[in-house]
Amino acid sequence: MEAGQIVITKRSSEYNELTGLPAGSLLSGAVFEIYNTTGNLLDKIVSDNRGIAGSKGLPTDAARALKVVTGTYSERMYY
């Protein structure tokens, strides 16, 4: 079976008044869950201080990444 990797770079979409960070800033602590096409959890990854989160080797049927938490704010978004 072929394997691949998902790498996500998390950046802010706009200026943050609380932190003073400009739009496009790299963000740490974003949590993503990666599921295959049948809904089984394959991996859970967290962005580092460079805003990068990388998965382990995954089968090619891993088709969906779900962002669970960004910093102190919870949200659900499919990619």
PDB file of N, CA and C in Angstrom:
ATOM      1  N   MET A   1       0.843  -1.182   0.000  1.00  0.00           N
ATOM      2  CA  MET A   1       0.000   0.000   0.000  1.00  0.00           C
ATOM      3  C   MET A   1       0.886   1.242   0.000  1.00  0.00           C
ATOM      4  N   GLU A   2       0.517   2.216  -0.830  1.00  0.00           N
ATOM      5  CA  GLU A   2       1.267   3.460  -0.885  1.00  0.00           C
ATOM      6  C   GLU A   2       1.016   4.286   0.375  1.00  0.00           C
ATOM      7  N   ALA A   3       2.004   5.104   0.739  1.00  0.00           N
ATOM      8  CA  ALA A   3       1.862   5.966   1.909  1.00  0.00           C
ATOM      9  C   ALA A   3       2.272   7.380   1.533  1.00  0.00           C
ATOM     10  N   GLY A   4       1.726   8.331   2.247  1.00  0.00           N
ATOM     11  CA  GLY A   4       2.065   9.732   2.045  1.00  0.00           C
ATOM     12  C   GLY A   4       2.026  10.451   3.375  1.00  0.00           C
ATOM     13  N   GLN A   5       2.181  11.752   3.337  1.00  0.00           N
ATOM     14  CA  GLN A   5       2.181  12.557   4.550  1.00  0.00           C
ATOM     15  C   GLN A   5       1.387  13.832   4.306  1.00  0.00           C
ATOM     16  N   ILE A   6       0.676  14.276   5.325  1.00  0.00           N
ATOM     17  CA  ILE A   6      -0.012  15.556   5.276  1.00  0.00           C
ATOM     18  C   ILE A   6       0.804  16.548   6.099  1.00  0.00           C
ATOM     19  N   VAL A   7       1.113  17.690   5.501  1.00  0.00           N
ATOM     20  CA  VAL A   7       1.810  18.774   6.194  1.00  0.00           C
ATOM     21  C   VAL A   7       0.945  20.025   6.047  1.00  0.00           C
ATOM     22  N   ILE A   8       0.630  20.646   7.185  1.00  0.00           N
ATOM     23  CA  ILE A   8      -0.223  21.825   7.205  1.00  0.00           C
ATOM     24  C   ILE A   8       0.560  22.970   7.837  1.00  0.00           C
ATOM     25  N   THR A   9       0.512  24.139   7.220  1.00  0.00           N
ATOM     26  CA  THR A   9       1.082  25.348   7.812  1.00  0.00           C
ATOM     27  C   THR A   9      -0.079  26.233   8.245  1.00  0.00           C
ATOM     28  N   LYS A  10      -0.131  26.528   9.542  1.00  0.00           N
ATOM     29  CA  LYS A  10      -1.230  27.322  10.110  1.00  0.00           C
ATOM     30  C   LYS A  10      -0.783  28.774  10.247  1.00  0.00           C
ATOM     31  N   ARG A  11      -1.542  29.670   9.605  1.00  0.00           N
ATOM     32  CA  ARG A  11      -1.284  31.111   9.667  1.00  0.00           C
ATOM     33  C   ARG A  11      -2.562  31.833  10.075  1.00  0.00           C
ATOM     34  N   SER A  12      -2.406  32.981  10.693  1.00  0.00           N
ATOM     35  CA  SER A  12      -3.576  33.792  11.051  1.00  0.00           C
ATOM     36  C   SER A  12      -4.171  34.398   9.783  1.00  0.00           C
ATOM     37  N   SER A  13      -5.478  34.529   9.776  1.00  0.00           N
ATOM     38  CA  SER A  13      -6.141  35.071   8.592  1.00  0.00           C
ATOM     39  C   SER A  13      -6.263  36.593   8.633  1.00  0.00           C
ATOM     40  N   GLU A  14      -6.115  37.160   9.823  1.00  0.00           N
ATOM     41  CA  GLU A  14      -6.252  38.614   9.944  1.00  0.00           C
ATOM     42  C   GLU A  14      -5.447  39.118  11.135  1.00  0.00           C
ATOM     43  N   TYR A  15      -5.344  40.421  11.275  1.00  0.00           N
ATOM     44  CA  TYR A  15      -4.649  41.045  12.399  1.00  0.00           C
ATOM     45  C   TYR A  15      -5.336  40.649  13.706  1.00  0.00           C
ATOM     46  N   ASN A  16      -4.536  40.318  14.724  1.00  0.00           N
ATOM     47  CA  ASN A  16      -5.072  39.946  16.033  1.00  0.00           C
ATOM     48  C   ASN A  16      -4.864  41.110  16.995  1.00  0.00           C
ATOM     49  N   GLU A  17      -5.960  41.736  17.420  1.00  0.00           N
ATOM     50  CA  GLU A  17      -5.885  42.890  18.317  1.00  0.00           C
ATOM     51  C   GLU A  17      -5.350  42.523  19.699  1.00  0.00           C
ATOM     52  N   LEU A  18      -5.588  41.286  20.151  1.00  0.00           N
ATOM     53  CA  LEU A  18      -5.124  40.876  21.476  1.00  0.00           C
ATOM     54  C   LEU A  18      -3.617  40.677  21.541  1.00  0.00           C
ATOM     55  N   THR A  19      -3.047  40.078  20.504  1.00  0.00           N
ATOM     56  CA  THR A  19      -1.614  39.768  20.521  1.00  0.00           C
ATOM     57  C   THR A  19      -0.782  40.762  19.727  1.00  0.00           C
ATOM     58  N   GLY A  20      -1.443  41.525  18.852  1.00  0.00           N
ATOM     59  CA  GLY A  20      -0.723  42.455  17.998  1.00  0.00           C
ATOM     60  C   GLY A  20      -0.067  41.793  16.800  1.00  0.00           C
ATOM     61  N   LEU A  21      -0.351  40.507  16.579  1.00  0.00           N
ATOM     62  CA  LEU A  21       0.249  39.789  15.450  1.00  0.00           C
ATOM     63  C   LEU A  21      -0.463  40.159  14.156  1.00  0.00           C
ATOM     64  N   PRO A  22       0.299  40.409  13.105  1.00  0.00           N
ATOM     65  CA  PRO A  22      -0.315  40.768  11.825  1.00  0.00           C
ATOM     66  C   PRO A  22      -0.941  39.562  11.131  1.00  0.00           C
ATOM     67  N   ALA A  23      -1.778  39.828  10.155  1.00  0.00           N
ATOM     68  CA  ALA A  23      -2.348  38.761   9.325  1.00  0.00           C
ATOM     69  C   ALA A  23      -1.200  37.972   8.698  1.00  0.00           C
ATOM     70  N   GLY A  24      -1.359  36.671   8.621  1.00  0.00           N
ATOM     71  CA  GLY A  24      -0.333  35.818   8.023  1.00  0.00           C
ATOM     72  C   GLY A  24       0.703  35.311   9.006  1.00  0.00           C
ATOM     73  N   SER A  25       0.552  35.648  10.304  1.00  0.00           N
ATOM     74  CA  SER A  25       1.504  35.172  11.313  1.00  0.00           C
ATOM     75  C   SER A  25       1.389  33.661  11.475  1.00  0.00           C
ATOM     76  N   LEU A  26       2.519  33.003  11.688  1.00  0.00           N
ATOM     77  CA  LEU A  26       2.529  31.560  11.932  1.00  0.00           C
ATOM     78  C   LEU A  26       1.978  31.291  13.329  1.00  0.00           C
ATOM     79  N   LEU A  27       1.121  30.290  13.454  1.00  0.00           N
ATOM     80  CA  LEU A  27       0.449  29.994  14.715  1.00  0.00           C
ATOM     81  C   LEU A  27       0.780  28.600  15.216  1.00  0.00           C
ATOM     82  N   SER A  28       1.130  28.504  16.485  1.00  0.00           N
ATOM     83  CA  SER A  28       1.395  27.200  17.103  1.00  0.00           C
ATOM     84  C   SER A  28       0.159  26.740  17.869  1.00  0.00           C
ATOM     85  N   GLY A  29       0.086  25.450  18.118  1.00  0.00           N
ATOM     86  CA  GLY A  29      -0.970  24.893  18.948  1.00  0.00           C
ATOM     87  C   GLY A  29      -2.257  24.539  18.234  1.00  0.00           C
ATOM     88  N   ALA A  30      -2.310  24.677  16.906  1.00  0.00           N
ATOM     89  CA  ALA A  30      -3.510  24.269  16.164  1.00  0.00           C
ATOM     90  C   ALA A  30      -3.516  22.738  16.087  1.00  0.00           C
ATOM     91  N   VAL A  31      -4.618  22.139  16.484  1.00  0.00           N
ATOM     92  CA  VAL A  31      -4.745  20.681  16.508  1.00  0.00           C
ATOM     93  C   VAL A  31      -5.583  20.227  15.319  1.00  0.00           C
ATOM     94  N   PHE A  32      -5.087  19.229  14.605  1.00  0.00           N
ATOM     95  CA  PHE A  32      -5.794  18.668  13.454  1.00  0.00           C
ATOM     96  C   PHE A  32      -5.938  17.163  13.648  1.00  0.00           C
ATOM     97  N   GLU A  33      -7.103  16.632  13.314  1.00  0.00           N
ATOM     98  CA  GLU A  33      -7.319  15.189  13.294  1.00  0.00           C
ATOM     99  C   GLU A  33      -7.441  14.781  11.836  1.00  0.00           C
ATOM    100  N   ILE A  34      -6.805  13.679  11.476  1.00  0.00           N
ATOM    101  CA  ILE A  34      -6.810  13.201  10.094  1.00  0.00           C
ATOM    102  C   ILE A  34      -7.570  11.887  10.045  1.00  0.00           C
ATOM    103  N   TYR A  35      -8.558  11.828   9.170  1.00  0.00           N
ATOM    104  CA  TYR A  35      -9.428  10.660   9.033  1.00  0.00           C
ATOM    105  C   TYR A  35      -9.316  10.082   7.628  1.00  0.00           C
ATOM    106  N   ASN A  36      -9.585   8.781   7.520  1.00  0.00           N
ATOM    107  CA  ASN A  36      -9.670   8.199   6.183  1.00  0.00           C
ATOM    108  C   ASN A  36     -11.083   8.394   5.652  1.00  0.00           C
ATOM    109  N   THR A  37     -11.331   7.893   4.472  1.00  0.00           N
ATOM    110  CA  THR A  37     -12.622   8.126   3.821  1.00  0.00           C
ATOM    111  C   THR A  37     -13.783   7.422   4.512  1.00  0.00           C
ATOM    112  N   THR A  38     -13.501   6.452   5.381  1.00  0.00           N
ATOM    113  CA  THR A  38     -14.580   5.773   6.106  1.00  0.00           C
ATOM    114  C   THR A  38     -14.776   6.341   7.509  1.00  0.00           C
ATOM    115  N   GLY A  39     -14.036   7.410   7.859  1.00  0.00           N
ATOM    116  CA  GLY A  39     -14.232   8.075   9.134  1.00  0.00           C
ATOM    117  C   GLY A  39     -13.384   7.581  10.283  1.00  0.00           C
ATOM    118  N   ASN A  40     -12.394   6.725  10.016  1.00  0.00           N
ATOM    119  CA  ASN A  40     -11.507   6.242  11.078  1.00  0.00           C
ATOM    120  C   ASN A  40     -10.375   7.239  11.313  1.00  0.00           C
ATOM    121  N   LEU A  41     -10.111   7.555  12.592  1.00  0.00           N
ATOM    122  CA  LEU A  41      -9.026   8.471  12.949  1.00  0.00           C
ATOM    123  C   LEU A  41      -7.687   7.800  12.654  1.00  0.00           C
ATOM    124  N   LEU A  42      -6.848   8.479  11.852  1.00  0.00           N
ATOM    125  CA  LEU A  42      -5.535   7.946  11.497  1.00  0.00           C
ATOM    126  C   LEU A  42      -4.404   8.620  12.256  1.00  0.00           C
ATOM    127  N   ASP A  43      -4.543   9.902  12.558  1.00  0.00           N
ATOM    128  CA  ASP A  43      -3.477  10.639  13.227  1.00  0.00           C
ATOM    129  C   ASP A  43      -4.040  11.925  13.804  1.00  0.00           C
ATOM    130  N   LYS A  44      -3.353  12.448  14.803  1.00  0.00           N
ATOM    131  CA  LYS A  44      -3.679  13.738  15.408  1.00  0.00           C
ATOM    132  C   LYS A  44      -2.373  14.511  15.450  1.00  0.00           C
ATOM    133  N   ILE A  45      -2.371  15.716  14.874  1.00  0.00           N
ATOM    134  CA  ILE A  45      -1.139  16.496  14.779  1.00  0.00           C
ATOM    135  C   ILE A  45      -1.368  17.897  15.341  1.00  0.00           C
ATOM    136  N   VAL A  46      -0.277  18.537  15.786  1.00  0.00           N
ATOM    137  CA  VAL A  46      -0.335  19.870  16.395  1.00  0.00           C
ATOM    138  C   VAL A  46       0.724  20.744  15.740  1.00  0.00           C
ATOM    139  N   SER A  47       0.342  21.977  15.373  1.00  0.00           N
ATOM    140  CA  SER A  47       1.321  22.877  14.764  1.00  0.00           C
ATOM    141  C   SER A  47       2.351  23.329  15.796  1.00  0.00           C
ATOM    142  N   ASP A  48       3.612  23.387  15.344  1.00  0.00           N
ATOM    143  CA  ASP A  48       4.714  23.771  16.227  1.00  0.00           C
ATOM    144  C   ASP A  48       4.914  25.290  16.208  1.00  0.00           C
ATOM    145  N   ASN A  49       6.024  25.755  16.766  1.00  0.00           N
ATOM    146  CA  ASN A  49       6.268  27.199  16.852  1.00  0.00           C
ATOM    147  C   ASN A  49       6.537  27.836  15.493  1.00  0.00           C
ATOM    148  N   ARG A  50       6.694  27.016  14.441  1.00  0.00           N
ATOM    149  CA  ARG A  50       6.822  27.519  13.068  1.00  0.00           C
ATOM    150  C   ARG A  50       5.489  27.447  12.327  1.00  0.00           C
ATOM    151  N   GLY A  51       4.419  27.033  13.045  1.00  0.00           N
ATOM    152  CA  GLY A  51       3.098  26.914  12.433  1.00  0.00           C
ATOM    153  C   GLY A  51       2.910  25.654  11.617  1.00  0.00           C
ATOM    154  N   ILE A  52       3.843  24.703  11.718  1.00  0.00           N
ATOM    155  CA  ILE A  52       3.822  23.501  10.884  1.00  0.00           C
ATOM    156  C   ILE A  52       3.387  22.281  11.684  1.00  0.00           C
ATOM    157  N   ALA A  53       2.461  21.522  11.107  1.00  0.00           N
ATOM    158  CA  ALA A  53       2.025  20.247  11.678  1.00  0.00           C
ATOM    159  C   ALA A  53       2.197  19.188  10.599  1.00  0.00           C
ATOM    160  N   GLY A  54       2.873  18.093  10.925  1.00  0.00           N
ATOM    161  CA  GLY A  54       3.118  17.031   9.953  1.00  0.00           C
ATOM    162  C   GLY A  54       2.662  15.687  10.487  1.00  0.00           C
ATOM    163  N   SER A  55       2.022  14.923   9.631  1.00  0.00           N
ATOM    164  CA  SER A  55       1.509  13.609  10.033  1.00  0.00           C
ATOM    165  C   SER A  55       2.586  12.538   9.903  1.00  0.00           C
ATOM    166  N   LYS A  56       2.278  11.399  10.455  1.00  0.00           N
ATOM    167  CA  LYS A  56       3.089  10.209  10.220  1.00  0.00           C
ATOM    168  C   LYS A  56       2.779   9.731   8.801  1.00  0.00           C
ATOM    169  N   GLY A  57       3.421   8.653   8.356  1.00  0.00           N
ATOM    170  CA  GLY A  57       3.098   8.072   7.061  1.00  0.00           C
ATOM    171  C   GLY A  57       1.660   7.574   7.070  1.00  0.00           C
ATOM    172  N   LEU A  58       0.903   7.925   6.053  1.00  0.00           N
ATOM    173  CA  LEU A  58      -0.520   7.591   6.001  1.00  0.00           C
ATOM    174  C   LEU A  58      -0.841   6.832   4.720  1.00  0.00           C
ATOM    175  N   PRO A  59      -1.806   5.917   4.776  1.00  0.00           N
ATOM    176  CA  PRO A  59      -2.263   5.272   3.546  1.00  0.00           C
ATOM    177  C   PRO A  59      -2.913   6.320   2.641  1.00  0.00           C
ATOM    178  N   THR A  60      -2.913   6.059   1.356  1.00  0.00           N
ATOM    179  CA  THR A  60      -3.408   7.057   0.409  1.00  0.00           C
ATOM    180  C   THR A  60      -4.905   7.312   0.512  1.00  0.00           C
ATOM    181  N   ASP A  61      -5.645   6.513   1.299  1.00  0.00           N
ATOM    182  CA  ASP A  61      -7.081   6.793   1.447  1.00  0.00           C
ATOM    183  C   ASP A  61      -7.363   7.807   2.549  1.00  0.00           C
ATOM    184  N   ALA A  62      -6.309   8.391   3.153  1.00  0.00           N
ATOM    185  CA  ALA A  62      -6.499   9.457   4.136  1.00  0.00           C
ATOM    186  C   ALA A  62      -6.884  10.713   3.365  1.00  0.00           C
ATOM    187  N   ALA A  63      -8.130  11.111   3.468  1.00  0.00           N
ATOM    188  CA  ALA A  63      -8.622  12.156   2.588  1.00  0.00           C
ATOM    189  C   ALA A  63      -9.079  13.406   3.303  1.00  0.00           C
ATOM    190  N   ARG A  64      -9.148  13.398   4.606  1.00  0.00           N
ATOM    191  CA  ARG A  64      -9.771  14.521   5.284  1.00  0.00           C
ATOM    192  C   ARG A  64      -8.985  14.900   6.534  1.00  0.00           C
ATOM    193  N   ALA A  65      -8.719  16.188   6.694  1.00  0.00           N
ATOM    194  CA  ALA A  65      -8.115  16.700   7.923  1.00  0.00           C
ATOM    195  C   ALA A  65      -9.121  17.642   8.566  1.00  0.00           C
ATOM    196  N   LEU A  66      -9.312  17.510   9.856  1.00  0.00           N
ATOM    197  CA  LEU A  66     -10.285  18.315  10.585  1.00  0.00           C
ATOM    198  C   LEU A  66      -9.550  19.111  11.641  1.00  0.00           C
ATOM    199  N   LYS A  67      -9.628  20.453  11.557  1.00  0.00           N
ATOM    200  CA  LYS A  67      -9.011  21.291  12.584  1.00  0.00           C
ATOM    201  C   LYS A  67      -9.922  21.293  13.788  1.00  0.00           C
ATOM    202  N   VAL A  68      -9.384  20.934  14.940  1.00  0.00           N
ATOM    203  CA  VAL A  68     -10.185  20.815  16.148  1.00  0.00           C
ATOM    204  C   VAL A  68     -10.044  22.046  17.032  1.00  0.00           C
ATOM    205  N   VAL A  69      -8.824  22.473  17.305  1.00  0.00           N
ATOM    206  CA  VAL A  69      -8.588  23.591  18.229  1.00  0.00           C
ATOM    207  C   VAL A  69      -7.456  24.461  17.695  1.00  0.00           C
ATOM    208  N   THR A  70      -7.623  25.759  17.797  1.00  0.00           N
ATOM    209  CA  THR A  70      -6.555  26.704  17.497  1.00  0.00           C
ATOM    210  C   THR A  70      -6.329  27.540  18.740  1.00  0.00           C
ATOM    211  N   GLY A  71      -5.205  27.357  19.387  1.00  0.00           N
ATOM    212  CA  GLY A  71      -4.909  28.116  20.610  1.00  0.00           C
ATOM    213  C   GLY A  71      -5.988  27.882  21.656  1.00  0.00           C
ATOM    214  N   THR A  72      -6.622  28.954  22.104  1.00  0.00           N
ATOM    215  CA  THR A  72      -7.654  28.838  23.130  1.00  0.00           C
ATOM    216  C   THR A  72      -9.056  28.808  22.543  1.00  0.00           C
ATOM    217  N   TYR A  73      -9.169  28.884  21.215  1.00  0.00           N
ATOM    218  CA  TYR A  73     -10.476  28.913  20.579  1.00  0.00           C
ATOM    219  C   TYR A  73     -10.772  27.573  19.916  1.00  0.00           C
ATOM    220  N   SER A  74     -11.961  27.045  20.126  1.00  0.00           N
ATOM    221  CA  SER A  74     -12.355  25.791  19.506  1.00  0.00           C
ATOM    222  C   SER A  74     -13.179  26.068  18.262  1.00  0.00           C
ATOM    223  N   GLU A  75     -12.959  25.270  17.253  1.00  0.00           N
ATOM    224  CA  GLU A  75     -13.733  25.374  16.033  1.00  0.00           C
ATOM    225  C   GLU A  75     -13.626  24.062  15.276  1.00  0.00           C
ATOM    226  N   ARG A  76     -14.505  23.869  14.319  1.00  0.00           N
ATOM    227  CA  ARG A  76     -14.448  22.690  13.478  1.00  0.00           C
ATOM    228  C   ARG A  76     -14.455  23.166  12.027  1.00  0.00           C
ATOM    229  N   MET A  77     -13.473  22.701  11.281  1.00  0.00           N
ATOM    230  CA  MET A  77     -13.373  23.095   9.884  1.00  0.00           C
ATOM    231  C   MET A  77     -12.770  21.939   9.102  1.00  0.00           C
ATOM    232  N   TYR A  78     -13.416  21.550   7.997  1.00  0.00           N
ATOM    233  CA  TYR A  78     -12.892  20.473   7.170  1.00  0.00           C
ATOM    234  C   TYR A  78     -12.005  21.044   6.077  1.00  0.00           C
ATOM    235  N   TYR A  79     -10.959  20.297   5.734  1.00  0.00           N
ATOM    236  CA  TYR A  79     -10.038  20.675   4.651  1.00  0.00           C
ATOM    237  C   TYR A  79     -10.099  19.623   3.578  1.00  0.00           C
TER     238      TYR A  79
END
